[in-house]
């Protein structure tokens, strides 16, 4: 998950962040007593494993669920952090059974969403219309879990889940809350788990959602080129691949408007019951061609502007007067407020057809949090804490951070660049056996599918057809919340592993 780039969230971030920051500061002290004013953290509980079963793919599968942790050390060997993971393994399968390491995004998101929403053996319903914070947090068997063909390790980066820093706030930012350090220490965590569990011979896969999709190719290349661990495949779910193609693109670039428009059109088609791959192929062809050309003509060609306004109005379903005022350049924030304004609701950046009542409908800017974020935090947090502390019996008094706004605010994003795409190209070029799936939902405006379409189409063939496969499914950022999309995603992934 990637936090939405909406200015209207700033008030929510500030208020929620103050509480989360106080918790974080209580967790970012060194184990060695440095002063009388620094609190001392209790020791991390020992790893705990239980046996469970789930009905997956039409049969009952027995597996082991483990809550454990890996110590993070700096270059001098000092312990600076502890990363908690949830692992599901099938006993007796042998050392050559695949293992998949999964990361969510944010930055500041734990791995609970891929775990209990997408591919873990148990799932919670979230990300769809009608979900509410008060929903009963009971997880059920996940028929679309991937555990029937790969072991699963869900990793919570420092500051998320129960993972914690052992150094002060300034050192925490330096060691953990920045793009490059994040890749370095998480890659080491993957290696340490492989050594700890004796799984270096297993085929290894890396999966990342949203900002986790930024992580995945970089972690794979770090493992491959710096640590000495080959990766058989990558799965990127609604990935945030190229920051430079979005809001940070130059004023001359049509890319921000090109990237968002197909997802708006998909949502409009879905509302009409007309969303099909063929309809979307026509939309994509227009955006690559006449839309981009007419945008670049600008005000020097009034007829080009009129063509853009007419077609964007038709594709989005927005008020034509509004589209004209915007010159056909509709941003995600405006779209999410205006497309549902007649109903007094506001759409989610993760799936614009999932809505909630707008508590401030007459405000010129959005003053509420995202509808999907508001609905999913409570039940997923409660379900995960119940699983860890009651079912597995891994006892801790620490707070579980499913989404840490404090981590997101503290993150040093650096200069926008296409490092994930660069590392993806280098990793694939170096290993002719590596395969990749990039998966998206049609309706996602947080990480629109069309950005990945343009990126993949600019990549070399790497010697074989579809070594990098782009798949787009009905739904939004968490398209796997829809059972049909989750089932199709699983079958596409199974083909990658086989």
Protein backbone atom coordinates (compact mmCIF):
# COMPACT_ATOMS: atom_id res chain seq x y z
CA UNK A 1 0.00 0.00 0.00
CA UNK A 2 1.14 3.49 -0.85
CA UNK A 3 -0.27 6.44 1.04
CA UNK A 4 -2.28 8.62 -1.38
CA UNK A 5 -0.51 11.78 -2.59
CA UNK A 6 -3.40 14.05 -1.60
CA UNK A 7 -2.80 17.35 0.16
CA UNK A 8 -6.12 16.93 1.94
CA UNK A 9 -4.64 14.15 4.03
CA UNK A 10 -2.20 16.52 5.72
CA UNK A 11 -4.50 17.28 8.64
CA UNK A 12 -5.15 13.59 9.19
CA UNK A 13 -1.45 12.81 8.95
CA UNK A 14 -0.60 15.46 11.52
CA UNK A 15 -3.20 14.36 14.04
CA UNK A 16 -2.67 10.64 13.59
CA UNK A 17 1.07 11.09 13.31
CA UNK A 18 1.42 12.76 16.70
CA UNK A 19 0.02 9.68 18.43
CA UNK A 20 2.03 7.27 16.30
CA UNK A 21 5.20 9.35 16.76
CA UNK A 22 4.92 9.11 20.52
CA UNK A 23 4.69 5.35 20.21
CA UNK A 24 7.60 5.28 17.78
CA UNK A 25 9.81 7.37 20.03
CA UNK A 26 9.16 4.89 22.82
CA UNK A 27 10.43 2.16 20.51
CA UNK A 28 13.54 3.85 19.13
CA UNK A 29 15.96 3.72 22.00
CA UNK A 30 19.09 1.62 22.17
CA UNK A 31 19.11 -1.58 24.16
CA UNK A 32 22.33 -0.42 25.83
CA UNK A 33 21.55 2.22 28.43
CA UNK A 34 22.89 5.53 27.17
CA UNK A 35 21.22 7.88 29.64
CA UNK A 36 18.81 7.82 32.53
CA UNK A 37 16.16 9.54 30.39
CA UNK A 38 15.99 6.84 27.70
CA UNK A 39 13.46 4.04 28.29
CA UNK A 40 14.62 0.45 28.08
CA UNK A 41 12.68 -1.87 25.80
CA UNK A 42 11.64 -5.30 27.03
CA UNK A 43 13.23 -8.19 25.15
CA UNK A 44 11.50 -9.42 21.99
CA UNK A 45 9.54 -12.65 22.61
CA UNK A 46 11.09 -15.89 21.37
CA UNK A 47 9.92 -17.23 18.01
CA UNK A 48 6.69 -19.21 18.27
CA UNK A 49 5.27 -21.84 15.88
CA UNK A 50 1.88 -23.52 15.78
CA UNK A 51 0.24 -26.04 13.45
CA UNK A 52 -2.81 -24.92 11.46
CA UNK A 53 -4.98 -26.05 8.57
CA UNK A 54 -6.90 -24.17 5.87
CA UNK A 55 -8.99 -25.16 2.88
CA UNK A 56 -7.04 -23.83 -0.09
CA UNK A 57 -7.71 -24.61 -3.72
CA UNK A 58 -10.40 -27.15 -2.83
CA UNK A 59 -8.37 -29.22 -0.35
CA UNK A 60 -7.34 -29.01 3.28
CA UNK A 61 -3.69 -28.03 3.67
CA UNK A 62 -1.69 -28.51 6.89
CA UNK A 63 1.01 -25.94 7.58
CA UNK A 64 3.05 -24.27 10.28
CA UNK A 65 2.54 -20.62 11.22
CA UNK A 66 5.51 -18.88 12.83
CA UNK A 67 5.89 -15.45 14.37
CA UNK A 68 9.59 -14.68 14.65
CA UNK A 69 12.12 -11.91 14.37
CA UNK A 70 15.47 -11.12 12.79
CA UNK A 71 18.00 -8.77 14.40
CA UNK A 72 19.29 -5.89 12.26
CA UNK A 73 22.91 -4.83 12.80
CA UNK A 74 24.88 -1.87 11.56
CA UNK A 75 28.26 -2.10 9.81
CA UNK A 76 30.01 -2.45 13.16
CA UNK A 77 27.79 -5.32 14.33
CA UNK A 78 25.74 -3.28 16.77
CA UNK A 79 22.09 -4.29 17.11
CA UNK A 80 20.00 -1.41 15.77
CA UNK A 81 16.63 -2.98 15.05
CA UNK A 82 14.41 -6.05 15.24
CA UNK A 83 12.22 -7.07 12.30
CA UNK A 84 9.21 -9.28 12.97
CA UNK A 85 7.94 -11.67 10.32
CA UNK A 86 5.04 -14.07 9.85
CA UNK A 87 5.97 -17.28 8.05
CA UNK A 88 3.71 -20.03 6.72
CA UNK A 89 5.52 -23.22 5.73
CA UNK A 90 4.35 -26.67 4.65
CA UNK A 91 6.30 -29.34 6.56
CA UNK A 92 7.87 -32.25 4.74
CA UNK A 93 7.93 -30.48 1.38
CA UNK A 94 11.74 -30.52 1.15
CA UNK A 95 14.34 -27.79 0.73
CA UNK A 96 13.48 -27.15 -2.93
CA UNK A 97 9.97 -25.90 -2.22
CA UNK A 98 9.69 -22.22 -3.31
CA UNK A 99 9.60 -19.49 -0.69
CA UNK A 100 8.11 -16.04 -1.28
CA UNK A 101 9.06 -12.92 0.70
CA UNK A 102 6.28 -10.33 0.75
CA UNK A 103 6.39 -6.61 1.54
CA UNK A 104 3.67 -4.00 1.62
CA UNK A 105 4.41 -0.35 1.10
CA UNK A 106 3.41 3.03 2.45
CA UNK A 107 6.13 3.69 3.39
CA UNK A 108 4.75 2.84 6.81
CA UNK A 109 2.52 -0.15 6.02
CA UNK A 110 2.93 -3.54 7.63
CA UNK A 111 2.55 -6.71 5.57
CA UNK A 112 -0.91 -7.55 6.96
CA UNK A 113 -2.64 -6.55 3.71
CA UNK A 114 -0.86 -9.08 1.50
CA UNK A 115 -0.98 -11.57 4.37
CA UNK A 116 -4.64 -11.39 5.39
CA UNK A 117 -6.02 -9.89 2.20
CA UNK A 118 -4.25 -11.49 -0.75
CA UNK A 119 -2.13 -14.65 -0.50
CA UNK A 120 -1.95 -15.81 3.14
CA UNK A 121 -3.88 -18.92 4.29
CA UNK A 122 -6.45 -16.80 6.15
CA UNK A 123 -8.12 -13.63 4.93
CA UNK A 124 -10.14 -10.64 6.07
CA UNK A 125 -12.57 -8.83 3.78
CA UNK A 126 -11.48 -5.25 3.09
CA UNK A 127 -11.12 -2.79 0.23
CA UNK A 128 -14.69 -3.08 -1.07
CA UNK A 129 -17.86 -1.01 -0.83
CA UNK A 130 -19.73 -1.65 2.41
CA UNK A 131 -16.69 -2.48 4.55
CA UNK A 132 -16.66 -0.66 7.89
CA UNK A 133 -14.25 -0.13 10.83
CA UNK A 134 -16.70 -1.98 13.10
CA UNK A 135 -16.68 -5.17 11.00
CA UNK A 136 -15.99 -8.26 13.10
CA UNK A 137 -12.26 -9.03 12.81
CA UNK A 138 -12.57 -12.75 12.09
CA UNK A 139 -10.27 -14.26 9.46
CA UNK A 140 -11.51 -17.18 7.35
CA UNK A 141 -9.80 -19.71 5.09
CA UNK A 142 -8.46 -18.11 1.92
CA UNK A 143 -9.27 -20.28 -1.08
CA UNK A 144 -6.97 -18.10 -3.19
CA UNK A 145 -3.93 -18.39 -0.93
CA UNK A 146 -0.64 -19.22 -2.65
CA UNK A 147 0.46 -21.55 0.15
CA UNK A 148 -0.39 -24.61 -1.96
CA UNK A 149 2.57 -23.84 -4.25
CA UNK A 150 4.97 -21.68 -2.19
CA UNK A 151 5.92 -21.06 1.41
CA UNK A 152 5.21 -17.47 2.48
CA UNK A 153 7.19 -15.02 4.62
CA UNK A 154 5.56 -11.67 5.35
CA UNK A 155 8.04 -9.05 6.54
CA UNK A 156 7.14 -5.93 8.54
CA UNK A 157 9.74 -3.17 8.07
CA UNK A 158 10.95 -1.25 11.11
CA UNK A 159 8.23 1.02 12.49
CA UNK A 160 5.42 -1.21 11.20
CA UNK A 161 3.74 -4.22 12.76
CA UNK A 162 5.73 -5.12 15.86
CA UNK A 163 9.10 -4.38 14.23
CA UNK A 164 11.13 -1.75 16.05
CA UNK A 165 14.24 0.37 16.03
CA UNK A 166 16.74 0.12 18.88
CA UNK A 167 18.40 3.47 18.25
CA UNK A 168 17.34 7.08 18.78
CA UNK A 169 15.01 8.99 16.47
CA UNK A 170 17.73 10.64 14.36
CA UNK A 171 19.61 7.39 13.86
CA UNK A 172 16.33 5.60 13.09
CA UNK A 173 15.66 7.96 10.21
CA UNK A 174 19.19 7.47 8.93
CA UNK A 175 19.23 3.67 9.20
CA UNK A 176 15.63 2.80 8.29
CA UNK A 177 13.46 5.66 6.99
CA UNK A 178 14.96 6.37 3.57
CA UNK A 179 14.82 4.67 0.17
CA UNK A 180 18.33 3.21 -0.03
CA UNK A 181 18.85 2.13 3.64
CA UNK A 182 15.43 0.47 3.49
CA UNK A 183 16.57 -1.74 0.61
CA UNK A 184 19.90 -2.61 2.24
CA UNK A 185 18.57 -3.79 5.60
CA UNK A 186 15.48 -5.57 4.23
CA UNK A 187 17.66 -7.52 1.79
CA UNK A 188 19.80 -8.62 4.72
CA UNK A 189 16.66 -9.69 6.60
CA UNK A 190 15.72 -11.95 3.67
CA UNK A 191 19.21 -13.45 3.65
CA UNK A 192 19.25 -13.92 7.42
CA UNK A 193 15.89 -15.74 7.31
CA UNK A 194 17.16 -18.06 4.57
CA UNK A 195 20.24 -18.93 6.61
CA UNK A 196 18.28 -19.26 9.86
CA UNK A 197 15.79 -21.68 8.30
CA UNK A 198 18.26 -23.56 6.06
CA UNK A 199 16.45 -22.47 2.88
CA UNK A 200 19.28 -21.15 0.70
CA UNK A 201 18.62 -23.97 -1.80
CA UNK A 202 14.93 -23.05 -2.24
CA UNK A 203 13.71 -21.14 -5.29
CA UNK A 204 13.20 -17.60 -4.04
CA UNK A 205 10.56 -15.06 -5.02
CA UNK A 206 10.06 -11.47 -3.92
CA UNK A 207 6.63 -9.85 -3.82
CA UNK A 208 5.80 -6.21 -3.12
CA UNK A 209 2.63 -4.15 -3.13
CA UNK A 210 2.54 -0.40 -3.89
CA UNK A 211 5.70 1.09 -2.34
CA UNK A 212 6.53 -2.57 -1.75
CA UNK A 213 6.57 -2.71 -5.57
CA UNK A 214 9.28 -0.04 -5.42
CA UNK A 215 11.12 -2.31 -2.97
CA UNK A 216 10.75 -5.64 -4.77
CA UNK A 217 13.01 -5.16 -7.84
CA UNK A 218 15.57 -3.26 -5.77
CA UNK A 219 15.66 -5.99 -3.08
CA UNK A 220 15.99 -8.63 -5.80
CA UNK A 221 18.91 -6.86 -7.42
CA UNK A 222 20.56 -6.19 -4.04
CA UNK A 223 20.27 -9.89 -3.19
CA UNK A 224 21.55 -10.91 -6.59
CA UNK A 225 24.45 -8.47 -6.95
CA UNK A 226 25.57 -7.66 -3.39
CA UNK A 227 24.53 -10.49 -1.06
CA UNK A 228 24.87 -13.51 -3.31
CA UNK A 229 21.30 -14.81 -3.41
CA UNK A 230 19.56 -15.42 -6.73
CA UNK A 231 15.87 -14.62 -7.14
CA UNK A 232 13.73 -16.75 -9.46
CA UNK A 233 10.88 -14.33 -9.86
CA UNK A 234 9.28 -11.05 -8.92
CA UNK A 235 5.63 -10.22 -8.31
CA UNK A 236 4.74 -6.53 -8.12
CA UNK A 237 1.22 -5.69 -7.00
CA UNK A 238 -0.05 -2.21 -7.89
CA UNK A 239 3.59 -1.08 -7.84
CA UNK A 240 4.93 2.42 -7.35
CA UNK A 241 7.68 2.01 -9.93
CA UNK A 242 8.61 5.43 -11.29
CA UNK A 243 8.09 8.47 -9.03
CA UNK A 244 9.36 10.72 -11.82
CA UNK A 245 6.37 9.87 -14.05
CA UNK A 246 3.71 11.26 -11.72
CA UNK A 247 3.27 14.49 -9.81
CA UNK A 248 6.99 15.22 -10.02
CA UNK A 249 7.14 15.19 -13.84
CA UNK A 250 8.05 18.46 -15.53
CA UNK A 251 5.44 21.03 -16.52
CA UNK A 252 6.09 20.10 -20.16
CA UNK A 253 5.26 16.44 -19.66
CA UNK A 254 1.80 15.06 -20.49
CA UNK A 255 2.60 11.93 -18.42
CA UNK A 256 0.68 12.79 -15.21
CA UNK A 257 -2.53 13.31 -17.20
CA UNK A 258 -1.86 10.28 -19.40
CA UNK A 259 -1.19 7.98 -16.45
CA UNK A 260 -4.40 8.81 -14.54
CA UNK A 261 -6.97 9.08 -17.33
CA UNK A 262 -7.30 5.34 -18.19
CA UNK A 263 -8.08 4.46 -14.56
CA UNK A 264 -10.76 7.16 -14.46
CA UNK A 265 -12.19 5.81 -17.71
CA UNK A 266 -12.14 2.26 -16.34
CA UNK A 267 -14.10 3.31 -13.27
CA UNK A 268 -16.66 5.10 -15.44
CA UNK A 269 -17.04 2.05 -17.68
CA UNK A 270 -17.43 -0.18 -14.62
CA UNK A 271 -20.23 2.02 -13.28
CA UNK A 272 -22.01 1.51 -16.61
CA UNK A 273 -21.35 -2.24 -16.70
CA UNK A 274 -19.19 -1.82 -19.80
CA UNK A 275 -15.67 -2.49 -18.50
CA UNK A 276 -13.91 -4.98 -20.78
CA UNK A 277 -10.32 -5.42 -21.98
CA UNK A 278 -11.43 -4.42 -25.48
CA UNK A 279 -12.98 -1.18 -24.24
CA UNK A 280 -9.84 -0.38 -22.28
CA UNK A 281 -7.61 -1.13 -25.26
CA UNK A 282 -9.47 1.62 -27.14
CA UNK A 283 -8.98 4.02 -24.21
CA UNK A 284 -5.26 3.25 -24.02
CA UNK A 285 -4.85 3.77 -27.76
CA UNK A 286 -6.47 7.21 -27.51
CA UNK A 287 -4.33 8.23 -24.53
CA UNK A 288 -1.09 7.18 -26.24
CA UNK A 289 -2.07 8.92 -29.45
CA UNK A 290 -4.52 11.78 -29.93
CA UNK A 291 -4.72 12.73 -26.24
CA UNK A 292 -0.95 13.15 -25.85
CA UNK A 293 -0.61 14.96 -29.18
CA UNK A 294 -3.48 17.34 -28.47
CA UNK A 295 -2.18 18.11 -24.97
CA UNK A 296 1.21 19.04 -26.39
CA UNK A 297 -0.40 21.35 -28.95
CA UNK A 298 -1.78 23.38 -26.03
CA UNK A 299 -3.61 26.66 -26.42
CA UNK A 300 -1.96 27.33 -29.79
CA UNK A 301 -4.55 24.97 -31.28
CA UNK A 302 -8.07 25.67 -29.88
CA UNK A 303 -9.54 22.77 -31.84
CA UNK A 304 -7.11 20.37 -30.16
CA UNK A 305 -8.20 21.71 -26.77
CA UNK A 306 -11.86 21.24 -27.68
CA UNK A 307 -11.18 17.67 -28.76
CA UNK A 308 -9.48 16.88 -25.43
CA UNK A 309 -12.32 18.40 -23.41
CA UNK A 310 -15.00 16.50 -25.32
CA UNK A 311 -13.25 13.12 -25.09
CA UNK A 312 -12.18 13.47 -21.44
CA UNK A 313 -15.77 14.40 -20.52
CA UNK A 314 -17.02 11.29 -22.28
CA UNK A 315 -14.38 9.01 -20.72
CA UNK A 316 -14.71 10.23 -17.12
CA UNK A 317 -18.41 11.02 -16.83
CA UNK A 318 -17.60 14.40 -15.24
CA UNK A 319 -19.49 17.66 -15.71
CA UNK A 320 -18.40 19.12 -19.08
CA UNK A 321 -18.18 22.63 -17.62
CA UNK A 322 -15.74 21.37 -15.00
CA UNK A 323 -13.62 19.56 -17.60
CA UNK A 324 -13.52 22.73 -19.69
CA UNK A 325 -12.37 24.82 -16.72
CA UNK A 326 -9.57 22.28 -16.21
CA UNK A 327 -8.59 22.27 -19.87
CA UNK A 328 -9.13 18.52 -19.99
CA UNK A 329 -6.43 17.97 -17.37
CA UNK A 330 -8.24 16.18 -14.55
CA UNK A 331 -6.22 15.39 -11.43
CA UNK A 332 -7.01 12.42 -9.21
CA UNK A 333 -8.05 14.56 -6.24
CA UNK A 334 -10.54 16.58 -8.26
CA UNK A 335 -11.92 13.47 -9.92
CA UNK A 336 -12.49 11.63 -6.63
CA UNK A 337 -14.52 14.53 -5.17
CA UNK A 338 -16.46 15.53 -8.26
CA UNK A 339 -17.47 12.22 -9.82
CA UNK A 340 -19.62 11.33 -6.78
CA UNK A 341 -20.57 14.86 -5.65
CA UNK A 342 -24.26 14.47 -6.52
CA UNK A 343 -24.46 11.62 -3.97
CA UNK A 344 -22.64 13.54 -1.25
CA UNK A 345 -19.90 10.91 -1.26
CA UNK A 346 -16.21 10.84 -2.07
CA UNK A 347 -14.23 8.13 -3.85
CA UNK A 348 -11.12 6.29 -2.67
CA UNK A 349 -7.82 6.87 -4.42
CA UNK A 350 -7.31 3.10 -4.18
CA UNK A 351 -10.59 2.33 -5.99
CA UNK A 352 -12.63 5.33 -7.08
CA UNK A 353 -15.85 3.31 -7.10
CA UNK A 354 -15.51 2.59 -3.37
CA UNK A 355 -17.04 5.61 -1.65
CA UNK A 356 -17.88 7.05 1.77
CA UNK A 357 -19.95 10.00 2.83
CA UNK A 358 -18.05 13.26 2.54
CA UNK A 359 -18.21 14.83 6.02
CA UNK A 360 -17.38 18.26 4.57
CA UNK A 361 -19.08 18.33 1.14
CA UNK A 362 -19.00 22.15 0.87
CA UNK A 363 -15.30 22.47 1.65
CA UNK A 364 -13.15 23.53 -1.33
CA UNK A 365 -10.69 20.74 -0.48
CA UNK A 366 -10.98 17.22 0.89
CA UNK A 367 -10.86 17.24 4.69
CA UNK A 368 -11.42 13.54 5.34
CA UNK A 369 -9.22 10.50 5.19
CA UNK A 370 -9.43 8.00 2.34
CA UNK A 371 -12.60 5.84 2.46
CA UNK A 372 -10.75 2.54 2.09
CA UNK A 373 -8.04 3.46 4.61
CA UNK A 374 -10.64 4.46 7.18
CA UNK A 375 -12.51 1.18 6.74
CA UNK A 376 -9.60 -1.27 6.78
CA UNK A 377 -7.26 -0.19 9.60
CA UNK A 378 -9.43 -1.29 12.53
CA UNK A 379 -10.51 -4.79 11.44
CA UNK A 380 -7.14 -5.77 9.93
CA UNK A 381 -5.22 -4.56 12.99
CA UNK A 382 -7.54 -6.39 15.38
CA UNK A 383 -7.46 -9.57 13.30
CA UNK A 384 -3.67 -9.59 13.09
CA UNK A 385 -3.12 -8.88 16.79
CA UNK A 386 -5.62 -11.60 17.68
CA UNK A 387 -3.80 -14.07 15.42
CA UNK A 388 -0.34 -13.22 16.78
CA UNK A 389 -1.11 -12.97 20.48
CA UNK A 390 -4.03 -15.38 20.97
CA UNK A 391 -3.75 -18.02 18.22
CA UNK A 392 0.02 -18.26 17.88
CA UNK A 393 0.65 -17.17 21.48
CA UNK A 394 3.47 -14.74 20.70
CA UNK A 395 2.89 -12.46 23.67
CA UNK A 396 3.84 -8.80 23.61
CA UNK A 397 2.52 -5.58 25.12
CA UNK A 398 3.74 -3.51 22.16
CA UNK A 399 1.32 -1.75 19.85
CA UNK A 400 0.83 -3.19 16.36
CA UNK A 401 1.19 -0.56 13.61
CA UNK A 402 -0.74 -1.67 10.54
CA UNK A 403 -0.30 1.79 9.02
CA UNK A 404 2.19 4.19 10.61
CA UNK A 405 1.63 7.78 9.55
CA UNK A 406 4.68 8.72 11.63
CA UNK A 407 6.95 6.54 9.49
CA UNK A 408 5.41 7.96 6.33
CA UNK A 409 6.00 11.53 7.48
CA UNK A 410 9.57 10.82 8.58
CA UNK A 411 10.53 9.11 5.32
CA UNK A 412 13.36 10.64 3.27
CA UNK A 413 12.18 10.05 -0.30
CA UNK A 414 15.22 11.62 -1.94
CA UNK A 415 15.08 12.79 -5.54
CA UNK A 416 12.35 11.19 -7.66
CA UNK A 417 13.98 8.73 -10.04
CA UNK A 418 13.35 5.44 -11.80
CA UNK A 419 15.74 3.34 -9.69
CA UNK A 420 13.26 0.43 -9.34
CA UNK A 421 12.94 0.17 -13.12
CA UNK A 422 16.71 0.45 -13.55
CA UNK A 423 17.32 -2.31 -11.00
CA UNK A 424 14.57 -4.44 -12.54
CA UNK A 425 16.23 -4.19 -15.96
CA UNK A 426 19.65 -5.10 -14.56
CA UNK A 427 18.32 -8.04 -12.51
CA UNK A 428 16.48 -9.53 -15.50
CA UNK A 429 19.41 -8.96 -17.84
CA UNK A 430 21.77 -10.76 -15.45
CA UNK A 431 19.52 -13.80 -14.94
CA UNK A 432 17.88 -15.27 -18.06
CA UNK A 433 15.70 -17.53 -15.87
CA UNK A 434 14.06 -14.72 -13.87
CA UNK A 435 10.38 -14.03 -14.59
CA UNK A 436 8.23 -11.07 -13.50
CA UNK A 437 4.53 -10.32 -13.07
CA UNK A 438 3.32 -6.75 -12.63
CA UNK A 439 -0.32 -6.83 -11.49
CA UNK A 440 -2.76 -3.93 -11.25
CA UNK A 441 -6.44 -3.14 -10.79
CA UNK A 442 -8.17 -1.09 -13.47
CA UNK A 443 -9.62 1.47 -11.02
CA UNK A 444 -6.50 2.35 -9.01
CA UNK A 445 -5.54 6.05 -8.95
CA UNK A 446 -2.86 5.65 -6.29
CA UNK A 447 -0.59 3.60 -8.57
CA UNK A 448 -2.33 3.62 -11.97
CA UNK A 449 -1.85 0.61 -14.23
CA UNK A 450 -1.08 2.75 -17.28
CA UNK A 451 2.22 3.91 -15.79
CA UNK A 452 3.36 0.28 -15.69
CA UNK A 453 2.02 -0.27 -19.21
CA UNK A 454 4.19 2.55 -20.54
CA UNK A 455 7.22 1.37 -18.53
CA UNK A 456 6.97 -2.25 -19.70
CA UNK A 457 6.54 -1.22 -23.33
CA UNK A 458 9.81 0.71 -23.15
CA UNK A 459 11.78 -2.28 -21.83
CA UNK A 460 13.86 -4.64 -23.99
CA UNK A 461 12.53 -8.11 -24.77
CA UNK A 462 15.36 -9.75 -22.78
CA UNK A 463 15.50 -12.67 -25.19
CA UNK A 464 12.06 -14.17 -24.56
CA UNK A 465 8.44 -13.16 -24.92
CA UNK A 466 6.73 -11.89 -21.79
CA UNK A 467 9.56 -12.29 -19.30
CA UNK A 468 7.87 -9.25 -17.78
CA UNK A 469 4.12 -9.81 -17.81
CA UNK A 470 1.62 -7.06 -17.10
CA UNK A 471 -1.77 -8.25 -15.87
CA UNK A 472 -4.71 -5.96 -15.08
CA UNK A 473 -7.78 -7.16 -13.17
CA UNK A 474 -11.16 -5.73 -12.18
CA UNK A 475 -10.83 -3.75 -8.97
CA UNK A 476 -8.51 -1.14 -7.56
CA UNK A 477 -5.25 -1.01 -5.64
CA UNK A 478 -6.28 -4.06 -3.60
CA UNK A 479 -7.92 -5.81 -6.55
CA UNK A 480 -7.39 -9.10 -4.71
CA UNK A 481 -10.27 -8.10 -2.40
CA UNK A 482 -12.50 -9.28 -5.26
CA UNK A 483 -12.61 -13.08 -5.27
CA UNK A 484 -12.69 -13.42 -9.07
CA UNK A 485 -9.67 -11.14 -9.49
CA UNK A 486 -7.80 -12.93 -6.69
CA UNK A 487 -8.45 -16.29 -8.38
CA UNK A 488 -7.19 -15.05 -11.75
CA UNK A 489 -4.15 -13.50 -10.08
CA UNK A 490 -3.35 -16.80 -8.37
CA UNK A 491 -3.50 -18.74 -11.63
CA UNK A 492 -1.23 -16.23 -13.37
CA UNK A 493 1.20 -16.49 -10.46
CA UNK A 494 1.10 -20.30 -10.45
CA UNK A 495 2.19 -20.27 -14.09
CA UNK A 496 5.12 -18.02 -13.15
CA UNK A 497 6.26 -20.41 -10.40
CA UNK A 498 5.87 -23.49 -12.59
